[in-house]
Amino acid sequence: MTVLKSPSLTPFKTDVVLLGMGRLLDRLIQGSPAYEVKAENDGFSLVGKPDRLDEFSDLVHEAVDHASEDFVVFPTSDGGHRYSRMFVVPLDNGTIR
């Protein structure tokens, strides 16, 4: 397990994030070419890029299916069958970090 200090994660009570191998939460907040990550007070907004909403929507479905004691998600539809935004709230033992 790697310990990473990041000033971009200042909305949380700590600036230390534990990164485990392959955890979905870690992948979500690292970003991808399909979306941008914006730090918020209690989590992160993931904003899908307009030309990659199908790829972003697949990721949203995966996050919804695998949300657990590590995080919860609140997706926003683009009005069709795709998603344009997702708010991710990391949890620590079932409570907001």
C-alpha atoms as a PDB file:
ATOM      1  CA  MET A   1       0.000   0.000   0.000  1.00  0.00           C
ATOM      2  CA  THR A   2       1.313   3.449  -0.936  1.00  0.00           C
ATOM      3  CA  VAL A   3       0.794   6.598   1.107  1.00  0.00           C
ATOM      4  CA  LEU A   4       0.379   9.708  -1.008  1.00  0.00           C
ATOM      5  CA  LYS A   5       0.292  13.282   0.259  1.00  0.00           C
ATOM      6  CA  SER A   6      -1.662  15.552  -2.040  1.00  0.00           C
ATOM      7  CA  PRO A   7      -2.574  19.226  -1.597  1.00  0.00           C
ATOM      8  CA  SER A   8      -5.378  18.765  -4.150  1.00  0.00           C
ATOM      9  CA  LEU A   9      -7.306  16.689  -1.606  1.00  0.00           C
ATOM     10  CA  THR A  10      -7.566  19.474   0.976  1.00  0.00           C
ATOM     11  CA  PRO A  11     -11.389  19.253   1.268  1.00  0.00           C
ATOM     12  CA  PHE A  12     -10.831  16.234   3.498  1.00  0.00           C
ATOM     13  CA  LYS A  13      -9.813  16.231   7.132  1.00  0.00           C
ATOM     14  CA  THR A  14      -6.487  14.717   6.160  1.00  0.00           C
ATOM     15  CA  ASP A  15      -4.198  15.120   3.185  1.00  0.00           C
ATOM     16  CA  VAL A  16      -3.057  11.509   3.304  1.00  0.00           C
ATOM     17  CA  VAL A  17      -4.720   9.053   0.943  1.00  0.00           C
ATOM     18  CA  LEU A  18      -4.051   5.327   1.122  1.00  0.00           C
ATOM     19  CA  LEU A  19      -3.815   3.843  -2.352  1.00  0.00           C
ATOM     20  CA  GLY A  20      -4.450   0.113  -2.651  1.00  0.00           C
ATOM     21  CA  MET A  21      -3.969  -1.877  -5.815  1.00  0.00           C
ATOM     22  CA  GLY A  22      -6.915  -1.670  -8.188  1.00  0.00           C
ATOM     23  CA  ARG A  23      -9.432   0.010  -5.907  1.00  0.00           C
ATOM     24  CA  LEU A  24     -12.221   1.613  -7.930  1.00  0.00           C
ATOM     25  CA  LEU A  25     -12.285   4.740  -5.761  1.00  0.00           C
ATOM     26  CA  ASP A  26      -8.609   5.352  -6.479  1.00  0.00           C
ATOM     27  CA  ARG A  27      -9.180   4.921 -10.205  1.00  0.00           C
ATOM     28  CA  LEU A  28     -12.118   7.328 -10.129  1.00  0.00           C
ATOM     29  CA  ILE A  29     -10.246  10.184  -8.470  1.00  0.00           C
ATOM     30  CA  GLN A  30      -7.129   9.696 -10.598  1.00  0.00           C
ATOM     31  CA  GLY A  31      -9.135  10.744 -13.639  1.00  0.00           C
ATOM     32  CA  SER A  32      -9.136   9.596 -17.232  1.00  0.00           C
ATOM     33  CA  PRO A  33      -9.345  11.069 -20.723  1.00  0.00           C
ATOM     34  CA  ALA A  34     -13.140  10.534 -20.528  1.00  0.00           C
ATOM     35  CA  TYR A  35     -13.730  12.980 -17.647  1.00  0.00           C
ATOM     36  CA  GLU A  36     -12.308  15.725 -15.450  1.00  0.00           C
ATOM     37  CA  VAL A  37     -12.069  15.521 -11.660  1.00  0.00           C
ATOM     38  CA  LYS A  38     -12.911  18.537  -9.512  1.00  0.00           C
ATOM     39  CA  ALA A  39     -12.332  18.487  -5.747  1.00  0.00           C
ATOM     40  CA  GLU A  40     -15.407  19.525  -3.751  1.00  0.00           C
ATOM     41  CA  ASN A  41     -16.032  20.037  -0.016  1.00  0.00           C
ATOM     42  CA  ASP A  42     -17.055  16.449   0.759  1.00  0.00           C
ATOM     43  CA  GLY A  43     -15.933  14.601  -2.332  1.00  0.00           C
ATOM     44  CA  PHE A  44     -15.245  14.902  -6.024  1.00  0.00           C
ATOM     45  CA  SER A  45     -17.226  15.858  -9.098  1.00  0.00           C
ATOM     46  CA  LEU A  46     -16.414  13.809 -12.149  1.00  0.00           C
ATOM     47  CA  VAL A  47     -17.510  15.638 -15.281  1.00  0.00           C
ATOM     48  CA  GLY A  48     -17.760  13.613 -18.474  1.00  0.00           C
ATOM     49  CA  LYS A  49     -16.267  15.078 -21.624  1.00  0.00           C
ATOM     50  CA  PRO A  50     -19.006  15.647 -24.222  1.00  0.00           C
ATOM     51  CA  ASP A  51     -17.277  13.562 -26.907  1.00  0.00           C
ATOM     52  CA  ARG A  52     -16.718  10.623 -24.493  1.00  0.00           C
ATOM     53  CA  LEU A  53     -20.034  10.340 -22.647  1.00  0.00           C
ATOM     54  CA  ASP A  54     -20.530   6.689 -23.653  1.00  0.00           C
ATOM     55  CA  GLU A  55     -17.211   5.752 -22.035  1.00  0.00           C
ATOM     56  CA  PHE A  56     -17.969   7.934 -19.000  1.00  0.00           C
ATOM     57  CA  SER A  57     -21.432   6.364 -18.674  1.00  0.00           C
ATOM     58  CA  ASP A  58     -19.874   2.893 -18.587  1.00  0.00           C
ATOM     59  CA  LEU A  59     -17.675   4.052 -15.710  1.00  0.00           C
ATOM     60  CA  VAL A  60     -20.703   5.511 -13.892  1.00  0.00           C
ATOM     61  CA  HIS A  61     -22.506   2.164 -14.189  1.00  0.00           C
ATOM     62  CA  GLU A  62     -19.451   0.383 -12.777  1.00  0.00           C
ATOM     63  CA  ALA A  63     -19.233   2.869  -9.878  1.00  0.00           C
ATOM     64  CA  VAL A  64     -22.944   2.517  -9.072  1.00  0.00           C
ATOM     65  CA  ASP A  65     -22.666  -1.277  -9.143  1.00  0.00           C
ATOM     66  CA  HIS A  66     -19.589  -1.307  -6.883  1.00  0.00           C
ATOM     67  CA  ALA A  67     -20.249   1.555  -4.464  1.00  0.00           C
ATOM     68  CA  SER A  68     -19.777   0.215  -0.966  1.00  0.00           C
ATOM     69  CA  GLU A  69     -18.344   1.137   2.382  1.00  0.00           C
ATOM     70  CA  ASP A  70     -15.542   2.976   0.526  1.00  0.00           C
ATOM     71  CA  PHE A  71     -17.696   5.504  -1.346  1.00  0.00           C
ATOM     72  CA  VAL A  72     -21.158   6.491  -2.580  1.00  0.00           C
ATOM     73  CA  VAL A  73     -21.986   8.063  -5.934  1.00  0.00           C
ATOM     74  CA  PHE A  74     -24.652  10.445  -7.184  1.00  0.00           C
ATOM     75  CA  PRO A  75     -24.814  10.365 -10.997  1.00  0.00           C
ATOM     76  CA  THR A  76     -26.504  12.973 -13.189  1.00  0.00           C
ATOM     77  CA  SER A  77     -28.043  11.961 -16.507  1.00  0.00           C
ATOM     78  CA  ASP A  78     -27.587  13.972 -19.677  1.00  0.00           C
ATOM     79  CA  GLY A  79     -31.332  13.570 -20.235  1.00  0.00           C
ATOM     80  CA  GLY A  80     -30.964  10.368 -22.232  1.00  0.00           C
ATOM     81  CA  HIS A  81     -29.385   7.053 -21.390  1.00  0.00           C
ATOM     82  CA  ARG A  82     -25.956   8.505 -20.703  1.00  0.00           C
ATOM     83  CA  TYR A  83     -24.436  10.302 -17.731  1.00  0.00           C
ATOM     84  CA  SER A  84     -22.699  13.663 -17.824  1.00  0.00           C
ATOM     85  CA  ARG A  85     -21.595  14.057 -14.193  1.00  0.00           C
ATOM     86  CA  MET A  86     -21.096  12.023 -11.048  1.00  0.00           C
ATOM     87  CA  PHE A  87     -20.470  13.198  -7.505  1.00  0.00           C
ATOM     88  CA  VAL A  88     -18.305  10.769  -5.501  1.00  0.00           C
ATOM     89  CA  VAL A  89     -18.268  10.883  -1.692  1.00  0.00           C
ATOM     90  CA  PRO A  90     -15.435   8.854  -0.128  1.00  0.00           C
ATOM     91  CA  LEU A  91     -16.414   7.147   3.128  1.00  0.00           C
ATOM     92  CA  ASP A  92     -14.347   6.127   6.112  1.00  0.00           C
ATOM     93  CA  ASN A  93     -16.052   3.269   7.967  1.00  0.00           C
ATOM     94  CA  GLY A  94     -19.406   4.302   6.541  1.00  0.00           C
ATOM     95  CA  THR A  95     -19.053   8.030   7.304  1.00  0.00           C
ATOM     96  CA  ILE A  96     -17.884  10.937   5.168  1.00  0.00           C
ATOM     97  CA  ARG A  97     -14.140  11.470   5.504  1.00  0.00           C
END
